[in-house]
PDB file of N, CA and C in Angstrom:
ATOM      1  N   MET A   1     122.690  80.760 111.462  1.00  0.00           N
ATOM      2  CA  MET A   1     121.899  81.133 111.045  1.00  0.00           C
ATOM      3  C   MET A   1     120.565  81.734 111.995  1.00  0.00           C
ATOM      4  N   MET A   2     120.110  82.863 110.768  1.00  0.00           N
ATOM      5  CA  MET A   2     119.268  83.876 111.180  1.00  0.00           C
ATOM      6  C   MET A   2     118.356  84.570 110.908  1.00  0.00           C
ATOM      7  N   MET A   3     116.740  84.535 111.628  1.00  0.00           N
ATOM      8  CA  MET A   3     115.967  85.632 110.413  1.00  0.00           C
ATOM      9  C   MET A   3     115.729  86.381 110.955  1.00  0.00           C
ATOM     10  N   LEU A   4     115.635  87.388 109.369  1.00  0.00           N
ATOM     11  CA  LEU A   4     115.052  89.083 109.825  1.00  0.00           C
ATOM     12  C   LEU A   4     113.731  88.792 108.741  1.00  0.00           C
ATOM     13  N   PHE A   5     113.109  90.228 109.567  1.00  0.00           N
ATOM     14  CA  PHE A   5     112.107  90.472 108.518  1.00  0.00           C
ATOM     15  C   PHE A   5     112.477  91.931 108.121  1.00  0.00           C
ATOM     16  N   PRO A   6     113.262  92.061 107.232  1.00  0.00           N
ATOM     17  CA  PRO A   6     113.517  93.159 105.990  1.00  0.00           C
ATOM     18  C   PRO A   6     112.420  94.393 105.772  1.00  0.00           C
ATOM     19  N   GLU A   7     111.119  94.086 106.261  1.00  0.00           N
ATOM     20  CA  GLU A   7     110.187  94.710 105.616  1.00  0.00           C
ATOM     21  C   GLU A   7     110.015  96.092 107.294  1.00  0.00           C
ATOM     22  N   GLY A   8     110.648  95.063 108.544  1.00  0.00           N
ATOM     23  CA  GLY A   8     110.116  95.881 109.750  1.00  0.00           C
ATOM     24  C   GLY A   8     108.942  95.564 110.278  1.00  0.00           C
ATOM     25  N   THR A   9     108.147  95.531 109.376  1.00  0.00           N
ATOM     26  CA  THR A   9     106.021  95.558 110.021  1.00  0.00           C
ATOM     27  C   THR A   9     106.329  94.944 109.109  1.00  0.00           C
ATOM     28  N   THR A  10     104.501  94.791 109.571  1.00  0.00           N
ATOM     29  CA  THR A  10     104.174  93.727 108.437  1.00  0.00           C
ATOM     30  C   THR A  10     102.685  94.729 107.668  1.00  0.00           C
ATOM     31  N   THR A  11     102.209  93.624 106.793  1.00  0.00           N
ATOM     32  CA  THR A  11     101.353  94.277 106.015  1.00  0.00           C
ATOM     33  C   THR A  11     100.200  92.925 105.702  1.00  0.00           C
ATOM     34  N   ASN A  12      98.774  93.764 105.280  1.00  0.00           N
ATOM     35  CA  ASN A  12      97.560  93.311 104.455  1.00  0.00           C
ATOM     36  C   ASN A  12      98.059  91.485 104.593  1.00  0.00           C
ATOM     37  N   GLY A  13      99.271  91.918 104.240  1.00  0.00           N
ATOM     38  CA  GLY A  13      99.768  90.654 103.337  1.00  0.00           C
ATOM     39  C   GLY A  13      99.627  90.630 101.394  1.00  0.00           C
ATOM     40  N   ASP A  14      98.871  92.106 101.130  1.00  0.00           N
ATOM     41  CA  ASP A  14      98.822  91.588  99.268  1.00  0.00           C
ATOM     42  C   ASP A  14     100.592  92.738  99.115  1.00  0.00           C
ATOM     43  N   PHE A  15     100.861  92.555 100.188  1.00  0.00           N
ATOM     44  CA  PHE A  15     102.185  94.180  99.462  1.00  0.00           C
ATOM     45  C   PHE A  15     103.351  94.203 100.240  1.00  0.00           C
ATOM     46  N   LEU A  16     104.137  94.089  99.733  1.00  0.00           N
ATOM     47  CA  LEU A  16     105.518  94.194 100.051  1.00  0.00           C
ATOM     48  C   LEU A  16     106.142  95.510 100.627  1.00  0.00           C
ATOM     49  N   LEU A  17     106.808  96.263 101.448  1.00  0.00           N
ATOM     50  CA  LEU A  17     106.941  97.768 101.617  1.00  0.00           C
ATOM     51  C   LEU A  17     108.832  97.630 101.661  1.00  0.00           C
ATOM     52  N   PRO A  18     109.260  98.438 100.984  1.00  0.00           N
ATOM     53  CA  PRO A  18     110.816  98.598 100.708  1.00  0.00           C
ATOM     54  C   PRO A  18     111.438  98.169 101.901  1.00  0.00           C
ATOM     55  N   PHE A  19     112.436  97.036 101.726  1.00  0.00           N
ATOM     56  CA  PHE A  19     113.351  96.388 102.761  1.00  0.00           C
ATOM     57  C   PHE A  19     114.462  97.799 103.266  1.00  0.00           C
ATOM     58  N   LYS A  20     114.230  97.300 104.739  1.00  0.00           N
ATOM     59  CA  LYS A  20     115.872  97.098 105.004  1.00  0.00           C
ATOM     60  C   LYS A  20     117.133  97.018 105.164  1.00  0.00           C
ATOM     61  N   THR A  21     118.475  97.791 104.330  1.00  0.00           N
ATOM     62  CA  THR A  21     119.368  97.002 104.082  1.00  0.00           C
ATOM     63  C   THR A  21     120.051  96.124 105.510  1.00  0.00           C
ATOM     64  N   GLY A  22     119.903  96.400 106.283  1.00  0.00           N
ATOM     65  CA  GLY A  22     121.124  95.725 107.400  1.00  0.00           C
ATOM     66  C   GLY A  22     121.196  94.524 107.291  1.00  0.00           C
ATOM     67  N   ALA A  23     120.574  93.633 106.862  1.00  0.00           N
ATOM     68  CA  ALA A  23     120.492  92.302 106.666  1.00  0.00           C
ATOM     69  C   ALA A  23     121.488  91.691 105.704  1.00  0.00           C
ATOM     70  N   PHE A  24     121.104  92.425 104.826  1.00  0.00           N
ATOM     71  CA  PHE A  24     121.890  92.417 103.201  1.00  0.00           C
ATOM     72  C   PHE A  24     123.945  93.447 103.956  1.00  0.00           C
ATOM     73  N   LEU A  25     123.257  93.819 104.745  1.00  0.00           N
ATOM     74  CA  LEU A  25     125.251  94.087 104.668  1.00  0.00           C
ATOM     75  C   LEU A  25     125.959  92.813 104.932  1.00  0.00           C
ATOM     76  N   ALA A  26     125.928  92.122 105.307  1.00  0.00           N
ATOM     77  CA  ALA A  26     126.513  91.021 105.683  1.00  0.00           C
ATOM     78  C   ALA A  26     126.986  90.335 103.710  1.00  0.00           C
ATOM     79  N   ARG A  27     126.784  91.058 103.239  1.00  0.00           N
ATOM     80  CA  ARG A  27     126.736  90.285 101.598  1.00  0.00           C
ATOM     81  C   ARG A  27     126.578  88.679 101.342  1.00  0.00           C
ATOM     82  N   VAL A  28     126.081  88.114 102.372  1.00  0.00           N
ATOM     83  CA  VAL A  28     126.153  86.571 102.296  1.00  0.00           C
ATOM     84  C   VAL A  28     125.415  85.769 101.701  1.00  0.00           C
ATOM     85  N   PRO A  29     124.864  85.002 100.889  1.00  0.00           N
ATOM     86  CA  PRO A  29     123.621  84.690 100.609  1.00  0.00           C
ATOM     87  C   PRO A  29     122.086  84.501 101.822  1.00  0.00           C
ATOM     88  N   VAL A  30     120.793  84.355 100.398  1.00  0.00           N
ATOM     89  CA  VAL A  30     119.488  84.969 101.996  1.00  0.00           C
ATOM     90  C   VAL A  30     118.687  83.495 101.238  1.00  0.00           C
ATOM     91  N   LEU A  31     118.058  83.147 102.191  1.00  0.00           N
ATOM     92  CA  LEU A  31     116.582  82.494 101.669  1.00  0.00           C
ATOM     93  C   LEU A  31     115.607  83.379 102.104  1.00  0.00           C
ATOM     94  N   PRO A  32     115.288  83.604 100.965  1.00  0.00           N
ATOM     95  CA  PRO A  32     113.475  84.350 100.868  1.00  0.00           C
ATOM     96  C   PRO A  32     112.715  83.821 101.665  1.00  0.00           C
ATOM     97  N   VAL A  33     111.673  84.163 102.152  1.00  0.00           N
ATOM     98  CA  VAL A  33     110.857  83.272 102.402  1.00  0.00           C
ATOM     99  C   VAL A  33     109.549  84.378 102.775  1.00  0.00           C
ATOM    100  N   ILE A  34     108.332  83.371 102.376  1.00  0.00           N
ATOM    101  CA  ILE A  34     107.201  84.336 101.800  1.00  0.00           C
ATOM    102  C   ILE A  34     106.596  84.129 103.219  1.00  0.00           C
ATOM    103  N   LEU A  35     105.636  85.320 104.648  1.00  0.00           N
ATOM    104  CA  LEU A  35     105.002  84.038 104.843  1.00  0.00           C
ATOM    105  C   LEU A  35     103.217  84.792 104.138  1.00  0.00           C
ATOM    106  N   ARG A  36     102.490  83.959 104.904  1.00  0.00           N
ATOM    107  CA  ARG A  36     100.970  84.674 104.036  1.00  0.00           C
ATOM    108  C   ARG A  36     100.012  84.334 105.433  1.00  0.00           C
ATOM    109  N   TYR A  37      99.189  84.348 105.521  1.00  0.00           N
ATOM    110  CA  TYR A  37      98.174  84.544 106.825  1.00  0.00           C
ATOM    111  C   TYR A  37      96.860  84.071 106.640  1.00  0.00           C
ATOM    112  N   PRO A  38      96.385  82.824 105.902  1.00  0.00           N
ATOM    113  CA  PRO A  38      95.052  82.890 105.387  1.00  0.00           C
ATOM    114  C   PRO A  38      94.357  83.232 106.030  1.00  0.00           C
ATOM    115  N   TYR A  39      92.673  83.845 106.274  1.00  0.00           N
ATOM    116  CA  TYR A  39      92.001  83.782 107.053  1.00  0.00           C
ATOM    117  C   TYR A  39      90.907  83.912 106.948  1.00  0.00           C
ATOM    118  N   GLN A  40      89.716  83.688 107.547  1.00  0.00           N
ATOM    119  CA  GLN A  40      88.112  84.202 107.190  1.00  0.00           C
ATOM    120  C   GLN A  40      86.930  85.768 107.965  1.00  0.00           C
ATOM    121  N   ARG A  41      87.957  85.893 109.105  1.00  0.00           N
ATOM    122  CA  ARG A  41      86.986  86.555 110.101  1.00  0.00           C
ATOM    123  C   ARG A  41      88.139  87.381 110.320  1.00  0.00           C
ATOM    124  N   PHE A  42      89.681  86.603 111.246  1.00  0.00           N
ATOM    125  CA  PHE A  42      90.159  88.015 111.574  1.00  0.00           C
ATOM    126  C   PHE A  42      91.703  87.615 111.189  1.00  0.00           C
ATOM    127  N   SER A  43      92.318  88.770 110.276  1.00  0.00           N
ATOM    128  CA  SER A  43      93.998  88.872 109.651  1.00  0.00           C
ATOM    129  C   SER A  43      94.483  89.416 110.556  1.00  0.00           C
ATOM    130  N   LEU A  44      95.526  87.923 110.538  1.00  0.00           N
ATOM    131  CA  LEU A  44      96.855  88.368 112.142  1.00  0.00           C
ATOM    132  C   LEU A  44      97.898  89.019 111.700  1.00  0.00           C
ATOM    133  N   ALA A  45      97.959  89.591 109.691  1.00  0.00           N
ATOM    134  CA  ALA A  45      98.657  90.484 110.369  1.00  0.00           C
ATOM    135  C   ALA A  45      98.228  92.098 111.441  1.00  0.00           C
ATOM    136  N   TRP A  46      99.188  92.483 111.848  1.00  0.00           N
ATOM    137  CA  TRP A  46      98.598  93.602 112.488  1.00  0.00           C
ATOM    138  C   TRP A  46      98.326  94.824 111.834  1.00  0.00           C
ATOM    139  N   ASP A  47      97.656  95.104 111.388  1.00  0.00           N
ATOM    140  CA  ASP A  47      96.726  96.197 110.363  1.00  0.00           C
ATOM    141  C   ASP A  47      96.970  97.275 110.653  1.00  0.00           C
ATOM    142  N   SER A  48      95.458  97.173 111.384  1.00  0.00           N
ATOM    143  CA  SER A  48      95.349  99.270 112.418  1.00  0.00           C
ATOM    144  C   SER A  48      94.476  99.008 113.560  1.00  0.00           C
ATOM    145  N   ILE A  49      94.613  98.355 114.180  1.00  0.00           N
ATOM    146  CA  ILE A  49      94.430  97.911 115.679  1.00  0.00           C
ATOM    147  C   ILE A  49      94.766  98.185 116.853  1.00  0.00           C
ATOM    148  N   SER A  50      94.630  98.557 118.005  1.00  0.00           N
ATOM    149  CA  SER A  50      95.884  98.396 119.397  1.00  0.00           C
ATOM    150  C   SER A  50      96.470  96.848 119.109  1.00  0.00           C
ATOM    151  N   GLY A  51      97.954  96.912 119.519  1.00  0.00           N
ATOM    152  CA  GLY A  51      97.817  95.835 120.116  1.00  0.00           C
ATOM    153  C   GLY A  51      97.367  94.867 120.877  1.00  0.00           C
ATOM    154  N   ALA A  52      96.663  95.375 121.462  1.00  0.00           N
ATOM    155  CA  ALA A  52      95.411  94.720 122.938  1.00  0.00           C
ATOM    156  C   ALA A  52      94.602  94.172 122.600  1.00  0.00           C
ATOM    157  N   ARG A  53      93.851  95.143 120.979  1.00  0.00           N
ATOM    158  CA  ARG A  53      92.694  94.326 120.905  1.00  0.00           C
ATOM    159  C   ARG A  53      93.209  93.422 119.548  1.00  0.00           C
ATOM    160  N   HIS A  54      94.142  93.341 119.153  1.00  0.00           N
ATOM    161  CA  HIS A  54      94.708  92.932 118.201  1.00  0.00           C
ATOM    162  C   HIS A  54      94.950  90.993 119.052  1.00  0.00           C
ATOM    163  N   VAL A  55      95.744  91.282 120.229  1.00  0.00           N
ATOM    164  CA  VAL A  55      95.943  89.748 120.826  1.00  0.00           C
ATOM    165  C   VAL A  55      94.323  89.467 121.643  1.00  0.00           C
ATOM    166  N   LEU A  56      93.598  90.041 121.889  1.00  0.00           N
ATOM    167  CA  LEU A  56      92.250  89.599 121.760  1.00  0.00           C
ATOM    168  C   LEU A  56      92.108  89.277 120.952  1.00  0.00           C
ATOM    169  N   PHE A  57      91.693  89.696 119.904  1.00  0.00           N
ATOM    170  CA  PHE A  57      90.909  89.169 118.379  1.00  0.00           C
ATOM    171  C   PHE A  57      91.995  87.386 117.622  1.00  0.00           C
ATOM    172  N   LEU A  58      93.231  87.853 117.979  1.00  0.00           N
ATOM    173  CA  LEU A  58      93.843  86.153 117.780  1.00  0.00           C
ATOM    174  C   LEU A  58      93.808  84.989 118.291  1.00  0.00           C
ATOM    175  N   LEU A  59      93.543  86.102 120.100  1.00  0.00           N
ATOM    176  CA  LEU A  59      93.247  85.096 120.702  1.00  0.00           C
ATOM    177  C   LEU A  59      91.265  83.715 121.106  1.00  0.00           C
ATOM    178  N   CYS A  60      90.350  84.425 120.289  1.00  0.00           N
ATOM    179  CA  CYS A  60      89.059  84.428 120.472  1.00  0.00           C
ATOM    180  C   CYS A  60      88.691  83.339 119.123  1.00  0.00           C
ATOM    181  N   GLN A  61      89.794  83.459 117.860  1.00  0.00           N
ATOM    182  CA  GLN A  61      89.833  83.059 115.897  1.00  0.00           C
ATOM    183  C   GLN A  61      90.132  81.574 116.460  1.00  0.00           C
ATOM    184  N   PHE A  62      89.351  80.779 116.666  1.00  0.00           N
ATOM    185  CA  PHE A  62      89.526  79.081 116.759  1.00  0.00           C
ATOM    186  C   PHE A  62      90.895  78.344 116.207  1.00  0.00           C
ATOM    187  N   VAL A  63      90.749  79.039 114.945  1.00  0.00           N
ATOM    188  CA  VAL A  63      92.407  78.150 114.485  1.00  0.00           C
ATOM    189  C   VAL A  63      92.864  79.538 113.508  1.00  0.00           C
ATOM    190  N   ASN A  64      94.175  79.857 113.450  1.00  0.00           N
ATOM    191  CA  ASN A  64      94.933  80.367 113.442  1.00  0.00           C
ATOM    192  C   ASN A  64      96.334  80.145 112.252  1.00  0.00           C
ATOM    193  N   HIS A  65      96.312  79.758 110.958  1.00  0.00           N
ATOM    194  CA  HIS A  65      97.176  79.314 109.139  1.00  0.00           C
ATOM    195  C   HIS A  65      97.712  80.596 109.107  1.00  0.00           C
ATOM    196  N   ILE A  66      99.175  79.930 108.611  1.00  0.00           N
ATOM    197  CA  ILE A  66      99.864  80.350 108.000  1.00  0.00           C
ATOM    198  C   ILE A  66     100.649  78.823 107.322  1.00  0.00           C
ATOM    199  N   GLU A  67     101.013  80.082 106.155  1.00  0.00           N
ATOM    200  CA  GLU A  67     100.987  79.381 104.297  1.00  0.00           C
ATOM    201  C   GLU A  67     103.015  80.119 104.221  1.00  0.00           C
ATOM    202  N   VAL A  68     103.689  78.693 104.170  1.00  0.00           N
ATOM    203  CA  VAL A  68     104.806  79.621 104.116  1.00  0.00           C
ATOM    204  C   VAL A  68     105.790  78.907 102.684  1.00  0.00           C
ATOM    205  N   THR A  69     105.779  80.180 101.693  1.00  0.00           N
ATOM    206  CA  THR A  69     106.959  79.703 100.717  1.00  0.00           C
ATOM    207  C   THR A  69     108.440  80.167 100.473  1.00  0.00           C
ATOM    208  N   ARG A  70     109.185  78.976 100.435  1.00  0.00           N
ATOM    209  CA  ARG A  70     110.273  78.722 100.561  1.00  0.00           C
ATOM    210  C   ARG A  70     110.935  79.415  98.747  1.00  0.00           C
ATOM    211  N   LEU A  71     111.217  80.349  98.213  1.00  0.00           N
ATOM    212  CA  LEU A  71     112.365  80.389  97.645  1.00  0.00           C
ATOM    213  C   LEU A  71     113.721  79.853  97.607  1.00  0.00           C
ATOM    214  N   PRO A  72     113.935  79.681  96.390  1.00  0.00           N
ATOM    215  CA  PRO A  72     115.704  79.298  96.688  1.00  0.00           C
ATOM    216  C   PRO A  72     117.052  80.025  96.895  1.00  0.00           C
ATOM    217  N   VAL A  73     117.863  80.154  97.636  1.00  0.00           N
ATOM    218  CA  VAL A  73     118.774  80.800  98.132  1.00  0.00           C
ATOM    219  C   VAL A  73     119.256  82.175  96.673  1.00  0.00           C
ATOM    220  N   TYR A  74     119.056  82.917  98.065  1.00  0.00           N
ATOM    221  CA  TYR A  74     119.394  84.283  96.692  1.00  0.00           C
ATOM    222  C   TYR A  74     121.410  84.303  96.975  1.00  0.00           C
ATOM    223  N   TYR A  75     122.022  84.046  96.265  1.00  0.00           N
ATOM    224  CA  TYR A  75     123.276  84.508  96.054  1.00  0.00           C
ATOM    225  C   TYR A  75     123.866  86.008  95.352  1.00  0.00           C
ATOM    226  N   PRO A  76     124.379  86.976  96.521  1.00  0.00           N
ATOM    227  CA  PRO A  76     124.583  88.307  95.832  1.00  0.00           C
ATOM    228  C   PRO A  76     125.387  88.208  94.451  1.00  0.00           C
ATOM    229  N   SER A  77     125.613  88.900  93.572  1.00  0.00           N
ATOM    230  CA  SER A  77     126.657  89.662  92.525  1.00  0.00           C
ATOM    231  C   SER A  77     127.625  90.206  93.232  1.00  0.00           C
ATOM    232  N   GLN A  78     128.472  90.450  92.508  1.00  0.00           N
ATOM    233  CA  GLN A  78     129.327  91.117  93.634  1.00  0.00           C
ATOM    234  C   GLN A  78     129.425  92.680  93.337  1.00  0.00           C
ATOM    235  N   GLN A  79     127.927  93.125  92.256  1.00  0.00           N
ATOM    236  CA  GLN A  79     127.827  94.507  92.608  1.00  0.00           C
ATOM    237  C   GLN A  79     126.698  94.490  93.880  1.00  0.00           C
ATOM    238  N   GLU A  80     125.913  93.166  93.948  1.00  0.00           N
ATOM    239  CA  GLU A  80     124.682  93.329  95.551  1.00  0.00           C
ATOM    240  C   GLU A  80     125.871  93.608  96.776  1.00  0.00           C
ATOM    241  N   LYS A  81     127.406  93.103  95.943  1.00  0.00           N
ATOM    242  CA  LYS A  81     127.646  92.863  97.557  1.00  0.00           C
ATOM    243  C   LYS A  81     128.138  94.193  97.504  1.00  0.00           C
ATOM    244  N   ASP A  82     128.567  95.244  96.770  1.00  0.00           N
ATOM    245  CA  ASP A  82     129.240  96.264  96.764  1.00  0.00           C
ATOM    246  C   ASP A  82     128.278  97.237  97.410  1.00  0.00           C
ATOM    247  N   ASP A  83     126.530  97.242  96.605  1.00  0.00           N
ATOM    248  CA  ASP A  83     125.676  97.778  97.476  1.00  0.00           C
ATOM    249  C   ASP A  83     124.283  97.102  98.050  1.00  0.00           C
ATOM    250  N   PRO A  84     124.138  97.434  99.596  1.00  0.00           N
ATOM    251  CA  PRO A  84     123.475  96.665  99.690  1.00  0.00           C
ATOM    252  C   PRO A  84     122.226  96.935  99.560  1.00  0.00           C
ATOM    253  N   LYS A  85     122.075  97.980  99.168  1.00  0.00           N
ATOM    254  CA  LYS A  85     120.839  98.374  98.336  1.00  0.00           C
ATOM    255  C   LYS A  85     120.086  98.034  97.740  1.00  0.00           C
ATOM    256  N   LEU A  86     121.076  97.296  96.609  1.00  0.00           N
ATOM    257  CA  LEU A  86     120.539  96.876  95.207  1.00  0.00           C
ATOM    258  C   LEU A  86     120.543  95.741  95.407  1.00  0.00           C
ATOM    259  N   TYR A  87     121.086  94.927  96.551  1.00  0.00           N
ATOM    260  CA  TYR A  87     121.093  93.245  96.688  1.00  0.00           C
ATOM    261  C   TYR A  87     119.645  93.383  97.542  1.00  0.00           C
ATOM    262  N   ALA A  88     119.496  94.279  98.901  1.00  0.00           N
ATOM    263  CA  ALA A  88     118.387  94.594  99.030  1.00  0.00           C
ATOM    264  C   ALA A  88     116.660  94.609  98.129  1.00  0.00           C
ATOM    265  N   GLU A  89     116.920  94.996  97.070  1.00  0.00           N
ATOM    266  CA  GLU A  89     115.701  95.257  96.326  1.00  0.00           C
ATOM    267  C   GLU A  89     115.717  94.626  94.920  1.00  0.00           C
ATOM    268  N   ASN A  90     116.822  93.657  94.657  1.00  0.00           N
ATOM    269  CA  ASN A  90     116.885  92.512  93.765  1.00  0.00           C
ATOM    270  C   ASN A  90     115.799  91.684  94.463  1.00  0.00           C
ATOM    271  N   VAL A  91     116.128  91.123  96.109  1.00  0.00           N
ATOM    272  CA  VAL A  91     115.874  90.110  96.813  1.00  0.00           C
ATOM    273  C   VAL A  91     114.489  90.569  96.821  1.00  0.00           C
ATOM    274  N   ARG A  92     113.657  92.135  97.258  1.00  0.00           N
ATOM    275  CA  ARG A  92     112.442  92.340  97.393  1.00  0.00           C
ATOM    276  C   ARG A  92     111.503  91.811  95.961  1.00  0.00           C
ATOM    277  N   ARG A  93     112.070  92.494  94.625  1.00  0.00           N
ATOM    278  CA  ARG A  93     111.652  91.928  93.999  1.00  0.00           C
ATOM    279  C   ARG A  93     111.301  90.697  93.433  1.00  0.00           C
ATOM    280  N   LEU A  94     112.773  89.971  93.253  1.00  0.00           N
ATOM    281  CA  LEU A  94     112.182  88.325  93.231  1.00  0.00           C
ATOM    282  C   LEU A  94     110.732  87.774  93.956  1.00  0.00           C
ATOM    283  N   MET A  95     110.911  88.465  95.342  1.00  0.00           N
ATOM    284  CA  MET A  95     110.029  87.944  96.150  1.00  0.00           C
ATOM    285  C   MET A  95     108.217  88.558  95.695  1.00  0.00           C
ATOM    286  N   ALA A  96     108.061  89.623  95.647  1.00  0.00           N
ATOM    287  CA  ALA A  96     107.082  90.264  95.220  1.00  0.00           C
ATOM    288  C   ALA A  96     106.978  89.601  94.141  1.00  0.00           C
ATOM    289  N   GLY A  97     107.494  88.849  92.895  1.00  0.00           N
ATOM    290  CA  GLY A  97     107.603  88.159  91.760  1.00  0.00           C
ATOM    291  C   GLY A  97     106.713  86.423  92.075  1.00  0.00           C
ATOM    292  N   GLU A  98     107.301  86.161  92.460  1.00  0.00           N
ATOM    293  CA  GLU A  98     106.930  85.259  93.122  1.00  0.00           C
ATOM    294  C   GLU A  98     105.542  84.759  93.960  1.00  0.00           C
ATOM    295  N   GLY A  99     106.162  85.496  94.720  1.00  0.00           N
ATOM    296  CA  GLY A  99     104.180  85.345  95.539  1.00  0.00           C
ATOM    297  C   GLY A  99     103.373  86.828  94.831  1.00  0.00           C
ATOM    298  N   ASN A 100     103.451  86.794  93.933  1.00  0.00           N
ATOM    299  CA  ASN A 100     102.533  88.181  93.046  1.00  0.00           C
ATOM    300  C   ASN A 100     102.107  88.726  94.653  1.00  0.00           C
ATOM    301  N   LEU A 101     102.913  89.820  94.917  1.00  0.00           N
ATOM    302  CA  LEU A 101     102.762  91.001  95.891  1.00  0.00           C
ATOM    303  C   LEU A 101     102.902  92.039  95.167  1.00  0.00           C
ATOM    304  N   ILE A 102     102.029  93.059  95.411  1.00  0.00           N
ATOM    305  CA  ILE A 102     102.833  94.669  94.662  1.00  0.00           C
ATOM    306  C   ILE A 102     103.589  95.691  96.222  1.00  0.00           C
ATOM    307  N   MET A 103     104.501  95.597  94.776  1.00  0.00           N
ATOM    308  CA  MET A 103     105.514  96.367  95.650  1.00  0.00           C
ATOM    309  C   MET A 103     105.022  97.810  95.898  1.00  0.00           C
ATOM    310  N   SER A 104     105.084  98.364  97.382  1.00  0.00           N
ATOM    311  CA  SER A 104     104.640  99.618  97.810  1.00  0.00           C
ATOM    312  C   SER A 104     106.210 100.515  98.017  1.00  0.00           C
ATOM    313  N   ASP A 105     106.112 101.764  97.703  1.00  0.00           N
ATOM    314  CA  ASP A 105     107.077 102.303  98.806  1.00  0.00           C
ATOM    315  C   ASP A 105     106.987 102.792  99.725  1.00  0.00           C
ATOM    316  N   ILE A 106     105.675 102.933 100.542  1.00  0.00           N
ATOM    317  CA  ILE A 106     105.386 103.075 101.717  1.00  0.00           C
ATOM    318  C   ILE A 106     106.018 102.015 102.467  1.00  0.00           C
ATOM    319  N   GLY A 107     106.621 103.745 103.737  1.00  0.00           N
ATOM    320  CA  GLY A 107     107.469 102.498 104.563  1.00  0.00           C
ATOM    321  C   GLY A 107     106.517 102.327 106.797  1.00  0.00           C
ATOM    322  N   LEU A 108     107.505 102.181 107.426  1.00  0.00           N
ATOM    323  CA  LEU A 108     107.286 101.999 108.416  1.00  0.00           C
ATOM    324  C   LEU A 108     106.387 103.412 109.035  1.00  0.00           C
ATOM    325  N   ALA A 109     107.296 104.159 108.729  1.00  0.00           N
ATOM    326  CA  ALA A 109     107.164 105.365 108.893  1.00  0.00           C
ATOM    327  C   ALA A 109     105.438 106.052 108.481  1.00  0.00           C
ATOM    328  N   GLU A 110     105.029 105.728 107.422  1.00  0.00           N
ATOM    329  CA  GLU A 110     103.824 106.476 106.885  1.00  0.00           C
ATOM    330  C   GLU A 110     102.814 105.348 107.930  1.00  0.00           C
ATOM    331  N   LYS A 111     103.320 104.037 108.488  1.00  0.00           N
ATOM    332  CA  LYS A 111     102.011 103.105 108.671  1.00  0.00           C
ATOM    333  C   LYS A 111     102.323 103.492 110.221  1.00  0.00           C
ATOM    334  N   ARG A 112     103.093 104.608 110.820  1.00  0.00           N
ATOM    335  CA  ARG A 112     102.673 105.188 112.032  1.00  0.00           C
ATOM    336  C   ARG A 112     102.329 105.982 111.282  1.00  0.00           C
ATOM    337  N   ILE A 113     102.321 107.150 110.730  1.00  0.00           N
ATOM    338  CA  ILE A 113     101.088 107.878 110.456  1.00  0.00           C
ATOM    339  C   ILE A 113      99.841 107.405 110.470  1.00  0.00           C
ATOM    340  N   TYR A 114      99.448 106.756 109.578  1.00  0.00           N
ATOM    341  CA  TYR A 114      98.546 106.155 109.303  1.00  0.00           C
ATOM    342  C   TYR A 114      97.954 105.772 110.623  1.00  0.00           C
ATOM    343  N   HIS A 115      97.985 104.790 111.339  1.00  0.00           N
ATOM    344  CA  HIS A 115      97.896 104.229 112.103  1.00  0.00           C
ATOM    345  C   HIS A 115      97.471 105.878 113.600  1.00  0.00           C
ATOM    346  N   ALA A 116      97.702 106.586 113.913  1.00  0.00           N
ATOM    347  CA  ALA A 116      97.768 107.886 114.599  1.00  0.00           C
ATOM    348  C   ALA A 116      96.582 108.568 114.270  1.00  0.00           C
ATOM    349  N   ALA A 117      96.440 108.221 113.088  1.00  0.00           N
ATOM    350  CA  ALA A 117      95.415 109.228 112.230  1.00  0.00           C
ATOM    351  C   ALA A 117      93.847 108.420 112.874  1.00  0.00           C
ATOM    352  N   LEU A 118      94.594 106.905 112.440  1.00  0.00           N
ATOM    353  CA  LEU A 118      92.981 106.495 112.691  1.00  0.00           C
ATOM    354  C   LEU A 118      92.175 106.384 114.349  1.00  0.00           C
ATOM    355  N   ASN A 119      93.430 106.847 115.335  1.00  0.00           N
ATOM    356  CA  ASN A 119      93.446 106.372 115.780  1.00  0.00           C
ATOM    357  C   ASN A 119      92.788 108.226 116.619  1.00  0.00           C
ATOM    358  N   GLY A 120      93.130 108.986 116.110  1.00  0.00           N
ATOM    359  CA  GLY A 120      92.904 110.326 116.237  1.00  0.00           C
ATOM    360  C   GLY A 120      93.569 111.233 117.182  1.00  0.00           C
ATOM    361  N   LEU A 121      95.085 110.487 116.816  1.00  0.00           N
ATOM    362  CA  LEU A 121      96.315 110.915 117.713  1.00  0.00           C
ATOM    363  C   LEU A 121      97.477 111.831 116.868  1.00  0.00           C
ATOM    364  N   PHE A 122      96.697 111.888 115.628  1.00  0.00           N
ATOM    365  CA  PHE A 122      97.358 112.752 114.621  1.00  0.00           C
ATOM    366  C   PHE A 122      96.378 113.804 113.591  1.00  0.00           C
ATOM    367  N   SER A 123      97.271 114.611 113.427  1.00  0.00           N
ATOM    368  CA  SER A 123      96.131 115.670 112.796  1.00  0.00           C
ATOM    369  C   SER A 123      97.302 116.748 111.704  1.00  0.00           C
ATOM    370  N   PRO A 124      96.683 116.804 110.518  1.00  0.00           N
ATOM    371  CA  PRO A 124      98.030 117.080 109.141  1.00  0.00           C
ATOM    372  C   PRO A 124      97.690 118.540 109.076  1.00  0.00           C
ATOM    373  N   CYS A 125      97.435 119.395 110.369  1.00  0.00           N
ATOM    374  CA  CYS A 125      97.511 120.571 110.363  1.00  0.00           C
ATOM    375  C   CYS A 125      98.672 120.814 110.890  1.00  0.00           C
TER     376      CYS A 125
END
């Protein structure tokens, strides 16, 4: 048994980013799980601050909570087994629907550019 995060990153908890297909290449059933981190002051989702500052804020927060939503095992159809992108997208759609999440087309590369811009390390010119 193995646990994978097919988005490759985190969001603020409202969005579901495109899935990487690696986990779906095995063509075996998956157990979709949605993780949410409800918070009052500081989000556990690593959103737009440096790693060191993130860890410091986490340690300063008295309690950190997690909500785990376990969906039924998803068994791929033959068409999904033949097309890992379709398989990944169908699991993503299921998770977005069940978790009331917004599907976003922005991926990890765009998130890295965003972080660089926030830190003054990226200029679009």
